[in-house]
N, C-alpha and C. Protein backbone atom coordinates (compact mmCIF):
# COMPACT_ATOMS: atom_id res chain seq x y z
N GLN A 1 86.00 25.38 135.04
CA GLN A 1 85.13 25.49 133.38
C GLN A 1 86.51 25.74 132.71
N GLU A 2 86.99 24.81 132.08
CA GLU A 2 88.15 24.87 131.13
C GLU A 2 88.42 25.58 130.56
N HIS A 3 89.95 26.29 130.30
CA HIS A 3 90.05 26.87 129.79
C HIS A 3 90.77 26.93 128.11
N THR A 4 90.04 27.57 127.19
CA THR A 4 90.21 27.73 125.80
C THR A 4 90.83 28.63 125.63
N THR A 5 92.00 28.35 124.46
CA THR A 5 92.60 29.44 123.89
C THR A 5 91.15 30.50 122.62
N PRO A 6 91.89 31.78 122.59
CA PRO A 6 90.59 33.11 122.05
C PRO A 6 90.20 32.20 120.79
N GLN A 7 89.00 32.44 120.37
CA GLN A 7 88.80 31.79 119.22
C GLN A 7 88.25 33.28 117.76
N LEU A 8 88.45 32.88 116.83
CA LEU A 8 88.65 34.28 116.02
C LEU A 8 87.52 33.91 114.77
N TYR A 9 87.24 34.75 114.23
CA TYR A 9 85.72 35.05 113.11
C TYR A 9 86.46 35.72 111.76
N GLN A 10 86.41 34.89 110.97
CA GLN A 10 87.47 35.64 109.87
C GLN A 10 86.48 35.72 108.84
N THR A 11 86.07 36.48 107.83
CA THR A 11 85.09 36.77 106.83
C THR A 11 86.10 37.68 105.35
N THR A 12 86.15 36.79 104.40
CA THR A 12 86.87 37.36 103.27
C THR A 12 86.60 37.35 102.54
N LEU A 13 86.19 38.54 101.66
CA LEU A 13 86.25 38.87 99.97
C LEU A 13 86.61 38.54 99.36
N TRP A 14 86.53 37.73 98.12
CA TRP A 14 87.49 37.25 97.11
C TRP A 14 87.48 37.58 95.78
N HIS A 15 88.93 38.15 95.24
CA HIS A 15 88.22 38.85 93.79
C HIS A 15 88.48 37.57 92.97
N LEU A 16 87.66 36.93 92.42
CA LEU A 16 87.44 35.75 91.49
C LEU A 16 88.26 36.00 90.61
N GLY A 17 88.67 36.90 89.75
CA GLY A 17 89.44 37.20 88.53
C GLY A 17 90.94 36.74 88.81
N SER A 18 91.19 37.33 89.89
CA SER A 18 92.63 36.89 90.32
C SER A 18 92.39 35.59 91.49
N GLU A 19 91.81 35.40 91.95
CA GLU A 19 91.38 34.39 92.99
C GLU A 19 92.78 34.78 94.49
N LEU A 20 92.46 36.00 94.33
CA LEU A 20 93.22 36.33 95.31
C LEU A 20 92.05 37.38 96.65
N PRO A 21 92.56 37.54 97.70
CA PRO A 21 91.45 38.04 98.66
C PRO A 21 91.64 39.91 98.64
N TRP A 22 90.13 40.52 98.71
CA TRP A 22 90.03 41.40 98.17
C TRP A 22 89.94 42.24 99.53
N ASP A 23 89.08 42.00 100.79
CA ASP A 23 89.23 42.57 102.09
C ASP A 23 88.62 41.35 102.96
N VAL A 24 89.54 41.98 104.46
CA VAL A 24 88.88 40.95 104.94
C VAL A 24 88.40 41.28 106.77
N ARG A 25 87.92 40.78 107.24
CA ARG A 25 87.71 41.08 108.44
C ARG A 25 87.97 39.67 109.71
N ILE A 26 88.45 40.00 111.03
CA ILE A 26 88.65 39.08 111.89
C ILE A 26 88.08 39.58 113.50
N GLY A 27 87.27 38.68 113.56
CA GLY A 27 87.06 39.13 115.01
C GLY A 27 86.61 37.63 116.13
N PRO A 28 85.90 38.62 117.25
CA PRO A 28 85.87 37.45 118.32
C PRO A 28 84.93 36.28 117.36
N GLY A 29 85.11 35.17 118.26
CA GLY A 29 84.27 34.22 117.86
C GLY A 29 82.67 33.86 117.93
N THR A 30 82.30 35.19 118.30
CA THR A 30 80.82 34.96 118.44
C THR A 30 80.54 36.35 117.45
N ASP A 31 81.12 36.72 116.56
CA ASP A 31 80.96 37.43 115.21
C ASP A 31 80.36 36.97 114.26
N SER A 32 79.90 37.73 113.31
CA SER A 32 78.76 36.60 112.23
C SER A 32 79.94 37.69 110.75
N GLU A 33 79.43 36.50 110.12
CA GLU A 33 79.77 36.71 108.39
C GLU A 33 78.55 37.97 108.17
N GLN A 34 77.63 38.05 108.35
CA GLN A 34 76.87 39.13 107.76
C GLN A 34 76.98 40.49 108.46
N ARG A 35 77.91 40.85 109.57
CA ARG A 35 78.22 41.59 109.92
C ARG A 35 79.16 42.14 109.17
N HIS A 36 80.32 41.37 109.33
CA HIS A 36 81.26 41.36 108.44
C HIS A 36 81.72 41.78 107.15
N LEU A 37 80.46 41.29 106.78
CA LEU A 37 80.08 41.77 105.39
C LEU A 37 79.55 43.46 105.20
N ASP A 38 78.79 43.96 105.94
CA ASP A 38 78.29 44.85 106.46
C ASP A 38 79.28 46.23 106.34
N GLU A 39 80.50 45.92 106.99
CA GLU A 39 81.75 46.24 107.34
C GLU A 39 82.66 46.32 105.86
N MET A 40 82.42 45.87 104.97
CA MET A 40 83.26 45.40 104.26
C MET A 40 82.33 46.05 102.39
N LEU A 41 81.30 46.59 102.86
CA LEU A 41 81.19 47.47 101.21
C LEU A 41 80.95 48.44 101.16
N ASP A 42 82.03 48.94 101.72
CA ASP A 42 82.31 50.15 101.17
C ASP A 42 83.11 49.84 100.15
N SER A 43 84.15 48.69 100.46
CA SER A 43 85.39 48.33 99.76
C SER A 43 84.83 48.07 98.30
N LEU A 44 84.13 47.91 98.26
CA LEU A 44 83.27 47.21 96.52
C LEU A 44 83.01 48.14 95.99
N PRO A 45 83.57 48.37 94.77
CA PRO A 45 83.51 49.74 93.61
C PRO A 45 82.18 49.60 93.33
N GLU A 46 81.48 50.36 92.91
CA GLU A 46 80.30 50.56 92.16
C GLU A 46 80.51 49.59 90.92
N GLY A 47 79.51 49.03 90.72
CA GLY A 47 79.21 47.96 89.65
C GLY A 47 79.64 46.42 89.68
N SER A 48 80.31 46.55 90.96
CA SER A 48 81.08 45.13 91.11
C SER A 48 79.75 44.19 91.13
N LEU A 49 80.26 43.24 91.05
CA LEU A 49 79.10 41.71 91.55
C LEU A 49 79.95 40.84 92.56
N LEU A 50 79.43 40.84 93.44
CA LEU A 50 79.09 39.84 94.47
C LEU A 50 78.47 38.50 94.38
N MET A 51 79.24 37.37 95.11
CA MET A 51 78.89 36.38 95.07
C MET A 51 78.98 35.79 96.60
N ALA A 52 77.65 35.47 97.22
CA ALA A 52 77.89 34.77 98.41
C ALA A 52 76.77 33.69 98.39
N ASP A 53 77.24 32.67 99.59
CA ASP A 53 76.26 31.37 99.62
C ASP A 53 74.86 32.19 100.45
N ALA A 54 74.02 31.09 100.65
CA ALA A 54 72.70 31.32 101.23
C ALA A 54 72.29 31.91 102.41
N GLY A 55 73.88 31.92 103.30
CA GLY A 55 73.43 32.51 105.05
C GLY A 55 73.59 34.03 104.49
N PHE A 56 73.58 34.80 103.75
CA PHE A 56 73.74 36.22 103.24
C PHE A 56 72.13 36.91 102.49
N VAL A 57 71.29 35.66 102.16
CA VAL A 57 70.35 36.43 101.50
C VAL A 57 69.34 37.29 102.30
N SER A 58 69.31 38.32 102.45
CA SER A 58 68.16 39.24 103.40
C SER A 58 67.88 40.39 102.49
N PHE A 59 66.71 40.67 103.11
CA PHE A 59 66.30 41.73 102.48
C PHE A 59 66.63 43.17 102.64
N GLU A 60 67.71 43.61 103.55
CA GLU A 60 68.28 44.65 104.03
C GLU A 60 69.61 44.66 103.12
N LEU A 61 70.40 43.37 103.04
CA LEU A 61 71.70 43.47 102.18
C LEU A 61 71.41 43.81 100.73
N CYS A 62 70.21 43.24 100.26
CA CYS A 62 69.49 43.49 98.93
C CYS A 62 69.52 44.94 98.91
N GLN A 63 68.44 45.67 99.72
CA GLN A 63 68.80 46.70 99.42
C GLN A 63 69.64 47.74 99.63
N LYS A 64 70.94 47.31 100.58
CA LYS A 64 71.83 47.93 100.66
C LYS A 64 73.11 48.18 99.69
N LEU A 65 72.94 46.62 98.98
CA LEU A 65 73.90 46.50 97.71
C LEU A 65 73.33 47.67 96.72
N LEU A 66 71.40 47.45 96.27
CA LEU A 66 71.20 47.80 95.31
C LEU A 66 71.34 49.64 95.22
N ARG A 67 71.60 49.89 97.02
CA ARG A 67 71.63 51.46 96.85
C ARG A 67 73.23 51.71 96.44
N ARG A 68 74.15 50.95 96.43
CA ARG A 68 75.06 51.40 96.30
C ARG A 68 76.04 50.83 94.81
N ASP A 69 74.60 49.94 94.21
CA ASP A 69 74.84 49.77 92.91
C ASP A 69 75.65 48.60 92.47
N VAL A 70 75.87 48.09 93.55
CA VAL A 70 76.59 46.85 93.54
C VAL A 70 75.44 45.67 93.18
N HIS A 71 76.40 44.82 91.80
CA HIS A 71 74.94 43.66 91.63
C HIS A 71 75.13 42.64 92.69
N PHE A 72 74.78 41.84 92.91
CA PHE A 72 74.89 40.27 93.32
C PHE A 72 74.26 39.08 92.89
N VAL A 73 74.81 38.06 93.36
CA VAL A 73 74.25 36.39 92.78
C VAL A 73 74.84 36.02 94.23
N LEU A 74 73.43 35.26 94.85
CA LEU A 74 72.95 35.14 95.73
C LEU A 74 72.49 33.64 95.98
N ARG A 75 73.36 32.38 96.54
CA ARG A 75 72.51 31.32 96.55
C ARG A 75 71.57 31.27 97.41
N VAL A 76 70.06 30.77 97.22
CA VAL A 76 69.40 30.83 98.53
C VAL A 76 68.96 29.59 98.62
N GLY A 77 69.01 28.86 99.75
CA GLY A 77 68.06 27.88 100.21
C GLY A 77 66.74 28.02 100.44
N GLY A 78 66.18 26.60 101.19
CA GLY A 78 64.74 26.51 101.30
C GLY A 78 64.35 27.49 102.33
N ASN A 79 65.49 28.08 103.20
CA ASN A 79 64.36 28.74 104.36
C ASN A 79 63.97 29.99 103.84
N ARG A 80 64.20 30.64 102.74
CA ARG A 80 63.71 31.79 102.18
C ARG A 80 62.53 31.47 101.57
N THR A 81 61.51 32.68 101.98
CA THR A 81 60.29 32.42 101.08
C THR A 81 60.48 33.64 99.90
N LEU A 82 60.11 33.08 98.63
CA LEU A 82 60.15 34.01 97.67
C LEU A 82 58.85 34.03 96.53
N LEU A 83 58.31 35.12 96.57
CA LEU A 83 57.00 35.35 96.06
C LEU A 83 57.47 35.30 94.44
N THR A 84 56.20 35.04 93.73
CA THR A 84 55.78 35.02 92.40
C THR A 84 55.19 35.70 92.01
N GLU A 85 54.76 35.96 90.54
CA GLU A 85 53.42 36.66 89.98
C GLU A 85 52.67 37.76 90.70
N LEU A 86 53.29 38.71 91.37
CA LEU A 86 52.91 39.96 91.93
C LEU A 86 52.35 41.20 90.41
N GLY A 87 52.37 40.56 89.61
CA GLY A 87 51.36 41.23 88.19
C GLY A 87 52.46 42.20 87.89
N ASP A 88 53.31 42.76 88.14
CA ASP A 88 54.68 43.41 87.52
C ASP A 88 54.71 43.11 85.76
N ALA A 89 54.80 44.25 85.01
CA ALA A 89 54.21 43.69 83.44
C ALA A 89 55.33 42.64 82.95
N HIS A 90 56.89 43.32 83.86
CA HIS A 90 58.17 42.59 83.07
C HIS A 90 58.48 41.23 83.63
N GLU A 91 57.39 40.42 84.32
CA GLU A 91 57.72 39.38 84.78
C GLU A 91 57.69 38.30 83.72
N VAL A 92 59.15 37.36 84.11
CA VAL A 92 59.18 36.45 83.13
C VAL A 92 58.77 34.95 83.93
N ALA A 93 57.89 33.89 83.71
CA ALA A 93 57.75 33.18 84.40
C ALA A 93 58.88 31.86 84.48
N GLY A 94 58.57 31.31 85.99
CA GLY A 94 59.60 30.92 85.88
C GLY A 94 61.26 31.44 86.57
N GLN A 95 61.30 32.35 86.49
CA GLN A 95 62.40 33.27 86.77
C GLN A 95 62.39 34.38 87.46
N THR A 96 61.41 35.35 87.42
CA THR A 96 61.27 35.99 88.47
C THR A 96 60.54 36.39 89.32
N VAL A 97 61.19 36.58 90.66
CA VAL A 97 60.89 36.36 92.05
C VAL A 97 60.91 37.54 92.78
N TYR A 98 60.39 37.82 94.23
CA TYR A 98 60.36 38.62 95.09
C TYR A 98 60.81 38.35 95.89
N LEU A 99 61.53 38.89 96.70
CA LEU A 99 61.78 39.22 97.90
C LEU A 99 60.98 40.42 98.88
N TRP A 100 60.26 39.88 99.68
CA TRP A 100 59.60 40.82 100.43
C TRP A 100 58.58 40.27 101.56
N PRO A 101 59.85 39.89 102.58
CA PRO A 101 59.37 39.45 104.02
C PRO A 101 58.00 40.10 104.55
N ALA A 102 57.54 39.65 105.49
CA ALA A 102 56.40 40.30 106.11
C ALA A 102 56.79 41.60 107.07
N LYS A 103 57.79 41.57 107.46
CA LYS A 103 58.33 42.98 108.12
C LYS A 103 58.78 43.98 107.22
N HIS A 104 58.97 43.97 106.00
CA HIS A 104 58.99 45.04 104.97
C HIS A 104 58.20 44.94 104.24
N GLN A 105 57.27 44.73 105.10
CA GLN A 105 55.87 45.18 103.41
C GLN A 105 55.54 46.49 103.78
N ASP A 106 56.13 47.25 104.59
CA ASP A 106 55.63 48.73 104.17
C ASP A 106 56.51 49.51 103.25
N GLN A 107 57.63 48.90 102.39
CA GLN A 107 58.28 49.00 101.44
C GLN A 107 58.29 47.87 100.20
N PRO A 108 58.71 48.45 98.82
CA PRO A 108 58.36 47.73 97.50
C PRO A 108 58.98 46.72 98.04
N PRO A 109 58.82 45.43 97.56
CA PRO A 109 59.01 44.29 96.96
C PRO A 109 60.71 44.32 96.45
N ILE A 110 62.02 43.23 96.40
CA ILE A 110 62.63 43.17 95.64
C ILE A 110 62.19 42.21 94.55
N ARG A 111 62.47 42.91 93.29
CA ARG A 111 62.53 41.64 92.46
C ARG A 111 64.10 41.26 91.69
N LEU A 112 63.48 39.81 91.79
CA LEU A 112 64.91 39.40 91.44
C LEU A 112 65.05 38.15 90.43
N ARG A 113 65.86 37.63 89.89
CA ARG A 113 66.05 36.75 88.57
C ARG A 113 66.55 35.12 89.75
N LEU A 114 65.58 34.39 89.48
CA LEU A 114 65.97 32.94 89.92
C LEU A 114 66.52 32.41 89.10
N THR A 115 67.70 31.52 89.06
CA THR A 115 68.63 30.77 88.11
C THR A 115 68.29 29.42 88.98
N VAL A 116 68.19 28.53 88.02
CA VAL A 116 68.28 27.25 89.05
C VAL A 116 69.51 26.55 88.09
N ILE A 117 70.36 25.75 88.54
CA ILE A 117 71.74 25.66 87.89
C ILE A 117 71.65 23.74 88.66
N PRO A 118 71.66 23.26 87.41
CA PRO A 118 71.20 21.52 87.72
C PRO A 118 72.80 20.88 88.31
N THR A 119 72.21 20.17 89.45
CA THR A 119 73.64 19.17 89.55
C THR A 119 73.21 17.71 89.30
N ASP A 120 74.47 16.94 89.87
CA ASP A 120 74.27 15.37 90.35
C ASP A 120 73.34 15.02 91.13
N GLN A 121 73.24 16.22 91.90
CA GLN A 121 72.11 16.05 93.24
C GLN A 121 71.30 16.86 93.34
N THR A 122 71.74 18.09 94.35
CA THR A 122 70.03 18.75 94.53
C THR A 122 70.35 19.68 93.87
N PRO A 123 69.58 20.89 93.17
CA PRO A 123 70.07 21.90 92.33
C PRO A 123 70.40 22.77 92.99
N VAL A 124 71.64 23.73 92.68
CA VAL A 124 71.57 25.01 93.27
C VAL A 124 70.53 26.20 92.81
N TYR A 125 69.89 27.14 93.23
CA TYR A 125 69.11 28.05 93.45
C TYR A 125 69.86 29.07 93.62
N LEU A 126 69.90 29.84 92.77
CA LEU A 126 70.67 31.35 92.59
C LEU A 126 69.59 32.61 92.11
N LEU A 127 69.88 33.89 93.30
CA LEU A 127 69.11 34.79 92.84
C LEU A 127 70.14 35.67 92.39
N THR A 128 69.15 36.73 91.48
CA THR A 128 70.43 37.48 91.33
C THR A 128 69.53 39.25 90.56
N ASP A 129 69.93 40.37 90.75
CA ASP A 129 69.69 41.45 90.67
C ASP A 129 69.69 41.50 89.59
N VAL A 130 70.11 41.31 88.59
CA VAL A 130 70.52 41.55 87.10
C VAL A 130 69.16 40.55 86.30
N LEU A 131 68.40 41.42 85.99
CA LEU A 131 67.56 40.76 85.29
C LEU A 131 67.51 40.27 84.23
N ASP A 132 67.97 40.53 83.33
CA ASP A 132 68.38 40.45 81.74
C ASP A 132 69.23 39.46 81.50
N PRO A 133 69.21 38.29 81.25
CA PRO A 133 70.18 37.22 80.72
C PRO A 133 70.92 37.98 79.87
N ALA A 134 70.87 38.76 78.93
CA ALA A 134 71.96 39.13 78.31
C ALA A 134 72.95 40.16 79.47
N GLN A 135 72.86 40.05 80.26
CA GLN A 135 74.09 40.88 80.64
C GLN A 135 74.57 40.10 81.54
N LEU A 136 73.59 38.85 82.01
CA LEU A 136 74.28 37.53 83.42
C LEU A 136 73.78 36.49 82.76
N SER A 137 74.30 35.86 81.70
CA SER A 137 73.19 34.67 81.77
C SER A 137 73.24 33.31 82.98
N ASP A 138 72.70 32.53 82.67
CA ASP A 138 72.24 31.32 83.65
C ASP A 138 73.81 30.57 83.84
N ALA A 139 74.54 30.29 82.21
CA ALA A 139 75.86 29.49 82.13
C ALA A 139 76.90 30.26 82.84
N ASP A 140 76.72 32.17 83.04
CA ASP A 140 77.73 32.84 83.79
C ASP A 140 77.48 32.96 84.80
N ALA A 141 76.38 32.89 85.71
CA ALA A 141 76.14 32.99 86.98
C ALA A 141 76.51 31.35 87.67
N ALA A 142 76.43 30.01 86.93
CA ALA A 142 76.49 28.85 87.42
C ALA A 142 78.31 29.01 87.53
N GLU A 143 78.70 29.47 86.39
CA GLU A 143 80.45 29.88 86.69
C GLU A 143 80.98 30.61 87.61
N ILE A 144 80.46 31.53 87.99
CA ILE A 144 80.78 32.80 88.98
C ILE A 144 80.44 32.01 90.46
N TYR A 145 79.27 31.25 91.04
CA TYR A 145 79.16 29.94 91.52
C TYR A 145 79.70 29.33 91.89
N ARG A 146 80.42 28.42 91.15
CA ARG A 146 81.60 27.47 90.74
C ARG A 146 82.91 27.91 90.98
N ARG A 147 83.08 29.35 90.54
CA ARG A 147 85.17 29.78 91.04
C ARG A 147 84.52 30.09 92.47
N ARG A 148 84.04 30.10 93.16
CA ARG A 148 83.76 30.71 94.26
C ARG A 148 84.87 29.77 95.17
N TRP A 149 84.73 28.11 94.49
CA TRP A 149 85.29 27.25 95.61
C TRP A 149 86.70 28.14 95.64
N SER A 150 87.22 29.41 95.07
CA SER A 150 88.87 29.27 95.40
C SER A 150 88.80 29.99 96.75
N GLY A 151 87.57 30.40 97.34
CA GLY A 151 87.50 30.88 98.73
C GLY A 151 87.64 29.59 99.76
N GLU A 152 87.11 28.86 99.10
CA GLU A 152 86.93 27.46 100.11
C GLU A 152 88.19 26.59 100.45
N ILE A 153 89.06 26.53 98.96
CA ILE A 153 90.36 25.73 98.99
C ILE A 153 91.19 26.93 100.03
N TYR A 154 91.24 28.03 99.59
CA TYR A 154 91.98 28.79 100.92
C TYR A 154 92.15 28.43 102.09
N TYR A 155 90.65 28.68 102.50
CA TYR A 155 90.33 28.07 104.23
C TYR A 155 91.00 26.48 104.28
N ARG A 156 91.32 25.57 103.30
CA ARG A 156 91.43 24.42 103.48
C ARG A 156 93.14 24.42 103.67
N THR A 157 93.79 25.16 102.62
CA THR A 157 94.87 25.64 102.48
C THR A 157 95.50 26.28 104.19
N VAL A 158 94.81 26.89 104.48
CA VAL A 158 95.13 27.51 106.00
C VAL A 158 94.59 26.36 107.32
N LYS A 159 94.23 25.56 106.78
CA LYS A 159 94.10 25.05 108.18
C LYS A 159 94.52 23.50 108.17
N ARG A 160 95.10 22.85 106.46
CA ARG A 160 95.76 21.62 106.42
C ARG A 160 96.80 21.75 105.87
N THR A 161 97.37 22.86 105.05
CA THR A 161 98.41 22.27 104.32
C THR A 161 99.64 23.44 105.13
N PHE A 162 98.93 24.40 105.83
CA PHE A 162 100.04 25.55 106.86
C PHE A 162 99.42 24.97 107.73
N PRO A 163 100.13 25.33 108.90
CA PRO A 163 99.99 24.79 110.29
C PRO A 163 99.14 26.12 111.16
N PHE A 164 97.97 26.22 110.31
CA PHE A 164 97.31 27.94 110.87
C PHE A 164 95.86 26.80 111.31
N ALA A 165 95.83 26.03 111.36
CA ALA A 165 94.49 25.38 112.19
C ALA A 165 94.18 25.68 113.66
N LYS A 166 94.87 26.01 114.18
CA LYS A 166 94.82 26.70 116.11
C LYS A 166 95.68 27.80 115.77
N LEU A 167 95.46 28.70 116.78
CA LEU A 167 96.56 29.56 117.11
C LEU A 167 97.44 29.68 118.31
N CYS A 168 98.29 30.02 118.66
CA CYS A 168 99.40 29.90 119.53
C CYS A 168 98.81 30.75 120.64
N SER A 169 98.77 31.72 120.43
CA SER A 169 97.93 33.07 121.03
C SER A 169 97.68 32.58 122.43
N ARG A 170 97.26 33.38 123.36
CA ARG A 170 96.44 33.02 124.48
C ARG A 170 95.87 34.71 124.99
N THR A 171 96.07 35.00 124.52
CA THR A 171 95.13 36.21 124.72
C THR A 171 94.24 36.83 123.31
N PRO A 172 93.04 37.37 123.24
CA PRO A 172 92.26 38.14 121.89
C PRO A 172 93.61 38.87 121.21
N HIS A 173 93.72 39.95 121.52
CA HIS A 173 94.94 40.59 121.18
C HIS A 173 96.27 40.21 120.34
N HIS A 174 96.62 39.27 120.66
CA HIS A 174 97.82 38.35 120.35
C HIS A 174 97.34 37.47 119.53
N ALA A 175 96.14 37.04 119.53
CA ALA A 175 95.33 36.11 118.75
C ALA A 175 95.26 36.61 117.17
N ARG A 176 94.95 38.07 117.17
CA ARG A 176 94.31 39.01 116.20
C ARG A 176 95.89 39.49 115.52
N ILE A 177 96.68 39.73 116.23
CA ILE A 177 97.88 40.02 115.42
C ILE A 177 98.35 38.61 115.00
N GLU A 178 98.29 37.85 115.61
CA GLU A 178 98.59 36.05 114.93
C GLU A 178 97.94 36.06 113.74
N GLN A 179 96.79 35.85 113.58
CA GLN A 179 95.99 36.08 112.84
C GLN A 179 96.21 36.63 111.38
N ARG A 180 96.62 37.91 111.89
CA ARG A 180 96.27 39.44 110.64
C ARG A 180 98.48 38.66 110.21
N ALA A 181 99.24 38.06 110.87
CA ALA A 181 100.32 38.04 110.41
C ALA A 181 100.41 36.44 109.24
N MET A 182 99.74 35.54 110.15
CA MET A 182 99.29 34.34 109.11
C MET A 182 98.77 35.35 107.28
N LEU A 183 97.92 35.72 107.61
CA LEU A 183 97.15 36.17 106.46
C LEU A 183 98.05 36.69 105.49
N VAL A 184 98.80 37.69 106.26
CA VAL A 184 100.34 38.51 105.07
C VAL A 184 101.00 37.69 104.37
N SER A 185 101.88 36.63 105.76
CA SER A 185 102.03 35.56 104.95
C SER A 185 101.49 34.53 103.77
N LEU A 186 100.62 34.31 104.37
CA LEU A 186 99.79 33.34 103.12
C LEU A 186 99.54 34.27 101.88
N TRP A 187 99.35 35.30 101.75
CA TRP A 187 99.18 36.02 100.72
C TRP A 187 100.40 36.66 99.72
N LEU A 188 101.37 36.25 100.50
CA LEU A 188 102.84 36.90 100.31
C LEU A 188 102.96 35.85 99.27
N LEU A 189 102.80 34.06 99.49
CA LEU A 189 103.32 32.55 99.30
C LEU A 189 102.20 33.01 98.12
N GLN A 190 101.27 33.43 97.87
CA GLN A 190 100.33 33.35 96.90
C GLN A 190 100.39 34.11 95.51
N LEU A 191 100.94 35.44 95.72
CA LEU A 191 101.52 36.33 95.12
C LEU A 191 102.43 36.21 94.16
N THR A 192 103.99 35.25 94.91
CA THR A 192 104.87 34.94 94.62
C THR A 192 104.80 33.35 93.52
N SER A 193 103.47 33.03 93.70
CA SER A 193 103.68 31.75 93.47
C SER A 193 102.18 31.92 92.11
């Protein structure tokens, strides 16, 4: 078997207003973004708005966020089943959807608002717990989704602009130290520029 260097999994929460990291988790290459996000939920203030991609949409996460009074905009993919027309008096045709997987039908469904963002290719579908468009318009949700690219650009910068695509360390302990040092140095550069 060929020996390889340690692999790390990093998940970063971004503050979209400042385009700076809010919280970060680094774990072994077998870790998951969902587990990292679960660990970072305590760092989110009440009333904040979390934007996340399709891999994060789950009944459990939505429940946790709602209990913590953290609002969310989540991109949803075609692999997620959403229900409509459950008879709620406040349903809005074409917008009100319910997240209610079979294994959680002993609990009430989670009522959400579906926003469709047209693009040149495939439309983007966003779910939010903010049901009133006066509080979060479709245009604002689309802008929040667009601004998440600052995080994608950050990872490209780490891997391409700076020589951080590969770690030099040969042990998991030293690899984590190296990754943290890289993060701090890059954040300092961002703050000074």
